[in-house]
PDB file of N, CA and C in Angstrom:
ATOM      1  N   TYR A   1      79.064 128.257  58.178  1.00  0.00           N
ATOM      2  CA  TYR A   1      79.969 127.374  57.473  1.00  0.00           C
ATOM      3  C   TYR A   1      79.534 127.255  56.029  1.00  0.00           C
ATOM      4  N   TYR A   2      80.407 126.719  55.199  1.00  0.00           N
ATOM      5  CA  TYR A   2      80.167 126.581  53.763  1.00  0.00           C
ATOM      6  C   TYR A   2      80.302 125.125  53.345  1.00  0.00           C
ATOM      7  N   VAL A   3      79.524 124.737  52.340  1.00  0.00           N
ATOM      8  CA  VAL A   3      79.722 123.471  51.648  1.00  0.00           C
ATOM      9  C   VAL A   3      80.461 123.826  50.366  1.00  0.00           C
ATOM     10  N   VAL A   4      81.593 123.154  50.134  1.00  0.00           N
ATOM     11  CA  VAL A   4      82.444 123.472  49.003  1.00  0.00           C
ATOM     12  C   VAL A   4      82.733 122.203  48.207  1.00  0.00           C
ATOM     13  N   LYS A   5      82.535 122.284  46.894  1.00  0.00           N
ATOM     14  CA  LYS A   5      82.903 121.187  46.000  1.00  0.00           C
ATOM     15  C   LYS A   5      84.071 121.678  45.147  1.00  0.00           C
ATOM     16  N   LEU A   6      85.189 120.941  45.201  1.00  0.00           N
ATOM     17  CA  LEU A   6      86.378 121.306  44.451  1.00  0.00           C
ATOM     18  C   LEU A   6      86.452 120.555  43.134  1.00  0.00           C
ATOM     19  N   ALA A   7      87.305 121.047  42.255  1.00  0.00           N
ATOM     20  CA  ALA A   7      87.522 120.399  40.967  1.00  0.00           C
ATOM     21  C   ALA A   7      88.295 119.096  41.137  1.00  0.00           C
ATOM     22  N   GLU A   8      88.924 118.916  42.296  1.00  0.00           N
ATOM     23  CA  GLU A   8      89.716 117.708  42.556  1.00  0.00           C
ATOM     24  C   GLU A   8      89.483 117.253  43.988  1.00  0.00           C
ATOM     25  N   ARG A   9      90.129 116.190  44.357  1.00  0.00           N
ATOM     26  CA  ARG A   9      90.036 115.642  45.711  1.00  0.00           C
ATOM     27  C   ARG A   9      90.521 116.677  46.729  1.00  0.00           C
ATOM     28  N   PHE A  10      89.804 116.812  47.836  1.00  0.00           N
ATOM     29  CA  PHE A  10      90.204 117.708  48.921  1.00  0.00           C
ATOM     30  C   PHE A  10      91.235 116.954  49.751  1.00  0.00           C
ATOM     31  N   GLY A  11      92.502 117.131  49.422  1.00  0.00           N
ATOM     32  CA  GLY A  11      93.583 116.359  50.017  1.00  0.00           C
ATOM     33  C   GLY A  11      93.908 116.734  51.444  1.00  0.00           C
ATOM     34  N   GLU A  12      94.660 115.840  52.096  1.00  0.00           N
ATOM     35  CA  GLU A  12      95.081 116.078  53.476  1.00  0.00           C
ATOM     36  C   GLU A  12      95.933 117.334  53.583  1.00  0.00           C
ATOM     37  N   ASN A  13      96.733 117.619  52.545  1.00  0.00           N
ATOM     38  CA  ASN A  13      97.544 118.840  52.584  1.00  0.00           C
ATOM     39  C   ASN A  13      96.658 120.085  52.563  1.00  0.00           C
ATOM     40  N   TYR A  14      95.521 120.037  51.866  1.00  0.00           N
ATOM     41  CA  TYR A  14      94.590 121.166  51.871  1.00  0.00           C
ATOM     42  C   TYR A  14      94.045 121.380  53.281  1.00  0.00           C
ATOM     43  N   GLU A  15      93.638 120.275  53.906  1.00  0.00           N
ATOM     44  CA  GLU A  15      93.109 120.375  55.276  1.00  0.00           C
ATOM     45  C   GLU A  15      94.134 121.032  56.187  1.00  0.00           C
ATOM     46  N   ARG A  16      95.364 120.593  56.112  1.00  0.00           N
ATOM     47  CA  ARG A  16      96.423 121.133  56.961  1.00  0.00           C
ATOM     48  C   ARG A  16      96.639 122.622  56.688  1.00  0.00           C
ATOM     49  N   LEU A  17      96.700 122.997  55.411  1.00  0.00           N
ATOM     50  CA  LEU A  17      96.907 124.396  55.049  1.00  0.00           C
ATOM     51  C   LEU A  17      95.773 125.289  55.551  1.00  0.00           C
ATOM     52  N   PHE A  18      94.538 124.831  55.396  1.00  0.00           N
ATOM     53  CA  PHE A  18      93.390 125.615  55.866  1.00  0.00           C
ATOM     54  C   PHE A  18      93.431 125.764  57.382  1.00  0.00           C
ATOM     55  N   ARG A  19      93.798 124.701  58.085  1.00  0.00           N
ATOM     56  CA  ARG A  19      93.840 124.748  59.550  1.00  0.00           C
ATOM     57  C   ARG A  19      94.976 125.612  60.066  1.00  0.00           C
ATOM     58  N   GLU A  20      96.044 125.752  59.276  1.00  0.00           N
ATOM     59  CA  GLU A  20      97.178 126.587  59.681  1.00  0.00           C
ATOM     60  C   GLU A  20      96.947 128.059  59.331  1.00  0.00           C
ATOM     61  N   GLY A  21      96.104 128.308  58.354  1.00  0.00           N
ATOM     62  CA  GLY A  21      95.887 129.669  57.865  1.00  0.00           C
ATOM     63  C   GLY A  21      96.612 129.831  56.543  1.00  0.00           C
ATOM     64  N   ILE A  22      95.941 130.407  55.582  1.00  0.00           N
ATOM     65  CA  ILE A  22      96.463 130.505  54.218  1.00  0.00           C
ATOM     66  C   ILE A  22      96.816 131.950  53.896  1.00  0.00           C
ATOM     67  N   THR A  23      97.889 132.111  53.142  1.00  0.00           N
ATOM     68  CA  THR A  23      98.233 133.418  52.608  1.00  0.00           C
ATOM     69  C   THR A  23      97.710 133.467  51.178  1.00  0.00           C
ATOM     70  N   LEU A  24      96.887 134.451  50.895  1.00  0.00           N
ATOM     71  CA  LEU A  24      96.283 134.587  49.572  1.00  0.00           C
ATOM     72  C   LEU A  24      97.300 135.119  48.566  1.00  0.00           C
ATOM     73  N   GLY A  25      96.938 135.070  47.294  1.00  0.00           N
ATOM     74  CA  GLY A  25      97.826 135.489  46.219  1.00  0.00           C
ATOM     75  C   GLY A  25      98.346 136.913  46.340  1.00  0.00           C
ATOM     76  N   ASN A  26      97.573 137.785  46.971  1.00  0.00           N
ATOM     77  CA  ASN A  26      98.002 139.181  47.120  1.00  0.00           C
ATOM     78  C   ASN A  26      98.810 139.413  48.396  1.00  0.00           C
ATOM     79  N   GLY A  27      99.154 138.321  49.103  1.00  0.00           N
ATOM     80  CA  GLY A  27      99.944 138.427  50.331  1.00  0.00           C
ATOM     81  C   GLY A  27      99.122 138.580  51.589  1.00  0.00           C
ATOM     82  N   GLU A  28      97.813 138.701  51.451  1.00  0.00           N
ATOM     83  CA  GLU A  28      96.911 138.857  52.602  1.00  0.00           C
ATOM     84  C   GLU A  28      96.784 137.520  53.328  1.00  0.00           C
ATOM     85  N   SER A  29      96.910 137.533  54.656  1.00  0.00           N
ATOM     86  CA  SER A  29      96.814 136.308  55.454  1.00  0.00           C
ATOM     87  C   SER A  29      95.393 136.080  55.933  1.00  0.00           C
ATOM     88  N   CYS A  30      95.002 134.818  55.969  1.00  0.00           N
ATOM     89  CA  CYS A  30      93.691 134.415  56.494  1.00  0.00           C
ATOM     90  C   CYS A  30      93.882 133.691  57.815  1.00  0.00           C
ATOM     91  N   LEU A  31      92.942 133.874  58.709  1.00  0.00           N
ATOM     92  CA  LEU A  31      92.948 133.114  59.948  1.00  0.00           C
ATOM     93  C   LEU A  31      92.755 131.631  59.630  1.00  0.00           C
ATOM     94  N   PRO A  32      93.190 130.752  60.525  1.00  0.00           N
ATOM     95  CA  PRO A  32      92.920 129.327  60.319  1.00  0.00           C
ATOM     96  C   PRO A  32      91.421 129.079  60.173  1.00  0.00           C
ATOM     97  N   ALA A  33      91.082 128.099  59.346  1.00  0.00           N
ATOM     98  CA  ALA A  33      89.687 127.724  59.104  1.00  0.00           C
ATOM     99  C   ALA A  33      89.479 126.285  59.546  1.00  0.00           C
ATOM    100  N   ALA A  34      88.300 125.993  60.083  1.00  0.00           N
ATOM    101  CA  ALA A  34      87.951 124.626  60.456  1.00  0.00           C
ATOM    102  C   ALA A  34      87.486 123.896  59.202  1.00  0.00           C
ATOM    103  N   VAL A  35      88.005 122.699  58.993  1.00  0.00           N
ATOM    104  CA  VAL A  35      87.689 121.923  57.794  1.00  0.00           C
ATOM    105  C   VAL A  35      87.252 120.527  58.193  1.00  0.00           C
ATOM    106  N   ARG A  36      86.213 120.061  57.525  1.00  0.00           N
ATOM    107  CA  ARG A  36      85.758 118.676  57.717  1.00  0.00           C
ATOM    108  C   ARG A  36      85.421 118.142  56.338  1.00  0.00           C
ATOM    109  N   CYS A  37      86.082 117.079  55.948  1.00  0.00           N
ATOM    110  CA  CYS A  37      85.811 116.484  54.640  1.00  0.00           C
ATOM    111  C   CYS A  37      84.530 115.665  54.695  1.00  0.00           C
ATOM    112  N   CYS A  38      83.804 115.658  53.598  1.00  0.00           N
ATOM    113  CA  CYS A  38      82.571 114.887  53.494  1.00  0.00           C
ATOM    114  C   CYS A  38      82.921 113.409  53.390  1.00  0.00           C
ATOM    115  N   PRO A  39      82.334 112.570  54.229  1.00  0.00           N
ATOM    116  CA  PRO A  39      82.652 111.142  54.173  1.00  0.00           C
ATOM    117  C   PRO A  39      82.145 110.462  52.897  1.00  0.00           C
ATOM    118  N   ASP A  40      81.193 111.086  52.204  1.00  0.00           N
ATOM    119  CA  ASP A  40      80.600 110.470  51.017  1.00  0.00           C
ATOM    120  C   ASP A  40      81.244 110.900  49.704  1.00  0.00           C
ATOM    121  N   SER A  41      82.126 111.905  49.750  1.00  0.00           N
ATOM    122  CA  SER A  41      82.715 112.411  48.512  1.00  0.00           C
ATOM    123  C   SER A  41      84.108 112.968  48.791  1.00  0.00           C
ATOM    124  N   GLU A  42      85.052 112.631  47.948  1.00  0.00           N
ATOM    125  CA  GLU A  42      86.437 113.077  48.151  1.00  0.00           C
ATOM    126  C   GLU A  42      86.663 114.537  47.791  1.00  0.00           C
ATOM    127  N   ASN A  43      85.769 115.139  47.015  1.00  0.00           N
ATOM    128  CA  ASN A  43      86.009 116.527  46.615  1.00  0.00           C
ATOM    129  C   ASN A  43      85.028 117.518  47.251  1.00  0.00           C
ATOM    130  N   ILE A  44      84.333 117.092  48.299  1.00  0.00           N
ATOM    131  CA  ILE A  44      83.430 117.991  49.023  1.00  0.00           C
ATOM    132  C   ILE A  44      83.925 118.141  50.456  1.00  0.00           C
ATOM    133  N   ALA A  45      83.916 119.393  50.930  1.00  0.00           N
ATOM    134  CA  ALA A  45      84.331 119.667  52.300  1.00  0.00           C
ATOM    135  C   ALA A  45      83.397 120.699  52.917  1.00  0.00           C
ATOM    136  N   PHE A  46      83.413 120.749  54.228  1.00  0.00           N
ATOM    137  CA  PHE A  46      82.669 121.730  55.001  1.00  0.00           C
ATOM    138  C   PHE A  46      83.711 122.645  55.636  1.00  0.00           C
ATOM    139  N   ILE A  47      83.625 123.937  55.354  1.00  0.00           N
ATOM    140  CA  ILE A  47      84.632 124.891  55.817  1.00  0.00           C
ATOM    141  C   ILE A  47      83.962 125.955  56.673  1.00  0.00           C
ATOM    142  N   GLU A  48      84.540 126.181  57.848  1.00  0.00           N
ATOM    143  CA  GLU A  48      84.048 127.226  58.739  1.00  0.00           C
ATOM    144  C   GLU A  48      85.115 128.304  58.850  1.00  0.00           C
ATOM    145  N   LEU A  49      84.742 129.518  58.501  1.00  0.00           N
ATOM    146  CA  LEU A  49      85.652 130.659  58.578  1.00  0.00           C
ATOM    147  C   LEU A  49      85.422 131.421  59.870  1.00  0.00           C
ATOM    148  N   PHE A  50      86.454 132.140  60.296  1.00  0.00           N
ATOM    149  CA  PHE A  50      86.363 132.935  61.507  1.00  0.00           C
ATOM    150  C   PHE A  50      86.622 134.416  61.228  1.00  0.00           C
ATOM    151  N   GLU A  51      86.487 134.765  59.942  1.00  0.00           N
ATOM    152  CA  GLU A  51      86.579 136.142  59.484  1.00  0.00           C
ATOM    153  C   GLU A  51      85.835 136.192  58.156  1.00  0.00           C
ATOM    154  N   GLY A  52      85.683 137.359  57.584  1.00  0.00           N
ATOM    155  CA  GLY A  52      84.904 137.463  56.363  1.00  0.00           C
ATOM    156  C   GLY A  52      85.546 138.332  55.299  1.00  0.00           C
ATOM    157  N   LYS A  53      86.533 137.807  54.629  1.00  0.00           N
ATOM    158  CA  LYS A  53      87.175 138.539  53.540  1.00  0.00           C
ATOM    159  C   LYS A  53      86.391 138.323  52.243  1.00  0.00           C
ATOM    160  N   TYR A  54      86.569 139.216  51.303  1.00  0.00           N
ATOM    161  CA  TYR A  54      85.892 139.172  50.013  1.00  0.00           C
ATOM    162  C   TYR A  54      86.211 137.864  49.291  1.00  0.00           C
ATOM    163  N   HIS A  55      85.177 137.098  48.942  1.00  0.00           N
ATOM    164  CA  HIS A  55      85.309 135.813  48.232  1.00  0.00           C
ATOM    165  C   HIS A  55      86.375 134.921  48.867  1.00  0.00           C
ATOM    166  N   GLN A  56      86.405 134.902  50.185  1.00  0.00           N
ATOM    167  CA  GLN A  56      87.490 134.248  50.909  1.00  0.00           C
ATOM    168  C   GLN A  56      87.636 132.763  50.604  1.00  0.00           C
ATOM    169  N   VAL A  57      86.561 132.020  50.604  1.00  0.00           N
ATOM    170  CA  VAL A  57      86.664 130.579  50.364  1.00  0.00           C
ATOM    171  C   VAL A  57      87.254 130.320  48.979  1.00  0.00           C
ATOM    172  N   LYS A  58      86.737 130.981  47.975  1.00  0.00           N
ATOM    173  CA  LYS A  58      87.250 130.787  46.612  1.00  0.00           C
ATOM    174  C   LYS A  58      88.720 131.170  46.521  1.00  0.00           C
ATOM    175  N   ARG A  59      89.104 132.250  47.160  1.00  0.00           N
ATOM    176  CA  ARG A  59      90.492 132.707  47.114  1.00  0.00           C
ATOM    177  C   ARG A  59      91.412 131.757  47.874  1.00  0.00           C
ATOM    178  N   MET A  60      90.943 131.206  48.990  1.00  0.00           N
ATOM    179  CA  MET A  60      91.749 130.249  49.743  1.00  0.00           C
ATOM    180  C   MET A  60      91.956 128.973  48.928  1.00  0.00           C
ATOM    181  N   VAL A  61      90.898 128.493  48.312  1.00  0.00           N
ATOM    182  CA  VAL A  61      90.990 127.284  47.488  1.00  0.00           C
ATOM    183  C   VAL A  61      91.944 127.517  46.323  1.00  0.00           C
ATOM    184  N   HIS A  62      91.841 128.672  45.689  1.00  0.00           N
ATOM    185  CA  HIS A  62      92.742 129.000  44.580  1.00  0.00           C
ATOM    186  C   HIS A  62      94.198 129.026  45.054  1.00  0.00           C
ATOM    187  N   SER A  63      94.428 129.518  46.273  1.00  0.00           N
ATOM    188  CA  SER A  63      95.785 129.604  46.810  1.00  0.00           C
ATOM    189  C   SER A  63      96.433 128.246  47.046  1.00  0.00           C
ATOM    190  N   VAL A  64      95.614 127.200  47.223  1.00  0.00           N
ATOM    191  CA  VAL A  64      96.179 125.855  47.402  1.00  0.00           C
ATOM    192  C   VAL A  64      96.229 125.094  46.084  1.00  0.00           C
ATOM    193  N   GLY A  65      95.852 125.756  44.985  1.00  0.00           N
ATOM    194  CA  GLY A  65      96.017 125.164  43.670  1.00  0.00           C
ATOM    195  C   GLY A  65      94.805 124.452  43.107  1.00  0.00           C
ATOM    196  N   SER A  66      93.617 124.751  43.592  1.00  0.00           N
ATOM    197  CA  SER A  66      92.410 124.125  43.065  1.00  0.00           C
ATOM    198  C   SER A  66      91.400 125.213  42.718  1.00  0.00           C
ATOM    199  N   CYS A  67      90.198 124.802  42.325  1.00  0.00           N
ATOM    200  CA  CYS A  67      89.138 125.776  42.078  1.00  0.00           C
ATOM    201  C   CYS A  67      87.810 125.228  42.592  1.00  0.00           C
ATOM    202  N   VAL A  68      86.932 126.140  42.910  1.00  0.00           N
ATOM    203  CA  VAL A  68      85.614 125.816  43.464  1.00  0.00           C
ATOM    204  C   VAL A  68      84.637 125.561  42.324  1.00  0.00           C
ATOM    205  N   LEU A  69      83.973 124.404  42.365  1.00  0.00           N
ATOM    206  CA  LEU A  69      82.917 124.101  41.400  1.00  0.00           C
ATOM    207  C   LEU A  69      81.542 124.478  41.943  1.00  0.00           C
ATOM    208  N   TYR A  70      81.400 124.423  43.266  1.00  0.00           N
ATOM    209  CA  TYR A  70      80.113 124.691  43.917  1.00  0.00           C
ATOM    210  C   TYR A  70      80.410 125.243  45.296  1.00  0.00           C
ATOM    211  N   LEU A  71      79.652 126.256  45.708  1.00  0.00           N
ATOM    212  CA  LEU A  71      79.829 126.868  47.019  1.00  0.00           C
ATOM    213  C   LEU A  71      78.465 127.281  47.550  1.00  0.00           C
ATOM    214  N   LYS A  72      78.175 126.873  48.774  1.00  0.00           N
ATOM    215  CA  LYS A  72      76.904 127.252  49.386  1.00  0.00           C
ATOM    216  C   LYS A  72      77.146 127.615  50.841  1.00  0.00           C
ATOM    217  N   ARG A  73      76.715 128.815  51.211  1.00  0.00           N
ATOM    218  CA  ARG A  73      76.816 129.236  52.606  1.00  0.00           C
ATOM    219  C   ARG A  73      75.648 128.646  53.373  1.00  0.00           C
ATOM    220  N   MET A  74      75.961 127.952  54.459  1.00  0.00           N
ATOM    221  CA  MET A  74      74.934 127.276  55.247  1.00  0.00           C
ATOM    222  C   MET A  74      74.578 128.035  56.524  1.00  0.00           C
ATOM    223  N   SER A  75      75.503 128.857  57.027  1.00  0.00           N
ATOM    224  CA  SER A  75      75.222 129.613  58.244  1.00  0.00           C
ATOM    225  C   SER A  75      76.137 130.823  58.328  1.00  0.00           C
ATOM    226  N   MET A  76      75.712 131.767  59.162  1.00  0.00           N
ATOM    227  CA  MET A  76      76.518 132.932  59.493  1.00  0.00           C
ATOM    228  C   MET A  76      76.310 133.191  60.968  1.00  0.00           C
ATOM    229  N   GLY A  77      77.362 133.013  61.753  1.00  0.00           N
ATOM    230  CA  GLY A  77      77.226 133.121  63.198  1.00  0.00           C
ATOM    231  C   GLY A  77      76.244 132.063  63.686  1.00  0.00           C
ATOM    232  N   THR A  78      75.261 132.477  64.461  1.00  0.00           N
ATOM    233  CA  THR A  78      74.267 131.541  64.976  1.00  0.00           C
ATOM    234  C   THR A  78      73.107 131.325  64.004  1.00  0.00           C
ATOM    235  N   LEU A  79      73.059 132.122  62.949  1.00  0.00           N
ATOM    236  CA  LEU A  79      71.961 132.065  61.987  1.00  0.00           C
ATOM    237  C   LEU A  79      72.191 130.943  60.977  1.00  0.00           C
ATOM    238  N   LYS A  80      71.256 130.015  60.891  1.00  0.00           N
ATOM    239  CA  LYS A  80      71.339 128.890  59.957  1.00  0.00           C
ATOM    240  C   LYS A  80      70.460 129.162  58.744  1.00  0.00           C
ATOM    241  N   LEU A  81      70.874 128.633  57.602  1.00  0.00           N
ATOM    242  CA  LEU A  81      70.093 128.772  56.383  1.00  0.00           C
ATOM    243  C   LEU A  81      68.737 128.103  56.558  1.00  0.00           C
ATOM    244  N   ASP A  82      67.684 128.797  56.193  1.00  0.00           N
ATOM    245  CA  ASP A  82      66.325 128.248  56.245  1.00  0.00           C
ATOM    246  C   ASP A  82      66.144 127.343  55.037  1.00  0.00           C
ATOM    247  N   GLU A  83      66.098 126.040  55.256  1.00  0.00           N
ATOM    248  CA  GLU A  83      66.017 125.062  54.163  1.00  0.00           C
ATOM    249  C   GLU A  83      64.720 125.176  53.360  1.00  0.00           C
ATOM    250  N   ASN A  84      63.689 125.814  53.927  1.00  0.00           N
ATOM    251  CA  ASN A  84      62.411 125.969  53.218  1.00  0.00           C
ATOM    252  C   ASN A  84      62.380 127.203  52.320  1.00  0.00           C
ATOM    253  N   LEU A  85      63.422 128.004  52.380  1.00  0.00           N
ATOM    254  CA  LEU A  85      63.501 129.227  51.577  1.00  0.00           C
ATOM    255  C   LEU A  85      63.965 128.872  50.161  1.00  0.00           C
ATOM    256  N   PRO A  86      63.183 129.219  49.151  1.00  0.00           N
ATOM    257  CA  PRO A  86      63.581 128.897  47.773  1.00  0.00           C
ATOM    258  C   PRO A  86      64.886 129.603  47.384  1.00  0.00           C
ATOM    259  N   ALA A  87      65.645 128.987  46.496  1.00  0.00           N
ATOM    260  CA  ALA A  87      66.905 129.567  46.028  1.00  0.00           C
ATOM    261  C   ALA A  87      66.654 130.961  45.447  1.00  0.00           C
ATOM    262  N   GLY A  88      67.513 131.904  45.806  1.00  0.00           N
ATOM    263  CA  GLY A  88      67.424 133.262  45.292  1.00  0.00           C
ATOM    264  C   GLY A  88      66.458 134.166  46.041  1.00  0.00           C
ATOM    265  N   SER A  89      65.765 133.628  47.038  1.00  0.00           N
ATOM    266  CA  SER A  89      64.815 134.465  47.781  1.00  0.00           C
ATOM    267  C   SER A  89      65.384 134.774  49.168  1.00  0.00           C
ATOM    268  N   TYR A  90      64.669 135.588  49.902  1.00  0.00           N
ATOM    269  CA  TYR A  90      65.115 135.987  51.231  1.00  0.00           C
ATOM    270  C   TYR A  90      63.916 136.232  52.117  1.00  0.00           C
ATOM    271  N   ARG A  91      64.174 136.409  53.399  1.00  0.00           N
ATOM    272  CA  ARG A  91      63.144 136.804  54.343  1.00  0.00           C
ATOM    273  C   ARG A  91      63.773 137.772  55.326  1.00  0.00           C
ATOM    274  N   PRO A  92      62.963 138.649  55.908  1.00  0.00           N
ATOM    275  CA  PRO A  92      63.518 139.576  56.902  1.00  0.00           C
ATOM    276  C   PRO A  92      63.996 138.808  58.142  1.00  0.00           C
ATOM    277  N   LEU A  93      65.051 139.293  58.762  1.00  0.00           N
ATOM    278  CA  LEU A  93      65.515 138.705  60.011  1.00  0.00           C
ATOM    279  C   LEU A  93      64.625 139.178  61.149  1.00  0.00           C
ATOM    280  N   THR A  94      64.486 138.328  62.149  1.00  0.00           N
ATOM    281  CA  THR A  94      63.739 138.735  63.342  1.00  0.00           C
ATOM    282  C   THR A  94      64.646 139.619  64.203  1.00  0.00           C
ATOM    283  N   LYS A  95      64.066 140.328  65.143  1.00  0.00           N
ATOM    284  CA  LYS A  95      64.856 141.152  66.060  1.00  0.00           C
ATOM    285  C   LYS A  95      65.829 140.285  66.854  1.00  0.00           C
ATOM    286  N   GLU A  96      65.391 139.086  67.220  1.00  0.00           N
ATOM    287  CA  GLU A  96      66.248 138.170  67.969  1.00  0.00           C
ATOM    288  C   GLU A  96      67.455 137.737  67.134  1.00  0.00           C
ATOM    289  N   GLU A  97      67.224 137.434  65.854  1.00  0.00           N
ATOM    290  CA  GLU A  97      68.311 137.023  64.966  1.00  0.00           C
ATOM    291  C   GLU A  97      69.318 138.151  64.775  1.00  0.00           C
ATOM    292  N   ILE A  98      68.826 139.364  64.615  1.00  0.00           N
ATOM    293  CA  ILE A  98      69.714 140.520  64.460  1.00  0.00           C
ATOM    294  C   ILE A  98      70.564 140.691  65.707  1.00  0.00           C
ATOM    295  N   GLY A  99      69.934 140.563  66.882  1.00  0.00           N
ATOM    296  CA  GLY A  99      70.663 140.663  68.142  1.00  0.00           C
ATOM    297  C   GLY A  99      71.740 139.603  68.285  1.00  0.00           C
ATOM    298  N   GLU A 100      71.423 138.367  67.891  1.00  0.00           N
ATOM    299  CA  GLU A 100      72.404 137.269  67.962  1.00  0.00           C
ATOM    300  C   GLU A 100      73.576 137.529  67.037  1.00  0.00           C
ATOM    301  N   LEU A 101      73.312 138.022  65.828  1.00  0.00           N
ATOM    302  CA  LEU A 101      74.393 138.306  64.890  1.00  0.00           C
ATOM    303  C   LEU A 101      75.299 139.425  65.395  1.00  0.00           C
ATOM    304  N   LYS A 102      74.699 140.426  66.014  1.00  0.00           N
ATOM    305  CA  LYS A 102      75.497 141.532  66.555  1.00  0.00           C
ATOM    306  C   LYS A 102      76.384 141.054  67.710  1.00  0.00           C
ATOM    307  N   GLU A 103      75.890 140.084  68.475  1.00  0.00           N
ATOM    308  CA  GLU A 103      76.657 139.561  69.603  1.00  0.00           C
ATOM    309  C   GLU A 103      77.818 138.681  69.151  1.00  0.00           C
ATOM    310  N   SER A 104      77.641 137.992  68.010  1.00  0.00           N
ATOM    311  CA  SER A 104      78.676 137.035  67.587  1.00  0.00           C
ATOM    312  C   SER A 104      79.721 137.641  66.743  1.00  0.00           C
TER     313      SER A 104
END
């Protein structure tokens, strides 16, 4: 899932559009996305995608008439972001993690 901060309030119409599936500017359709608004901020949401198109979150947000100010990927499949990993760095995946990603 992703943490997304928009330039404006993440409105109820945005939630509905994301849950129904969005058609991008080039006519490409996206699968419905799970959305949960942050209770502490009107312009932050948590978005879970079920496919992986190029810059999909940014393109979906643009299609509903807003823009992304901040975007952070928190997980991919069963793999969660290691909070102890410094920004811009990486670590090798374990064999178990690779297997889980291939299964999902």
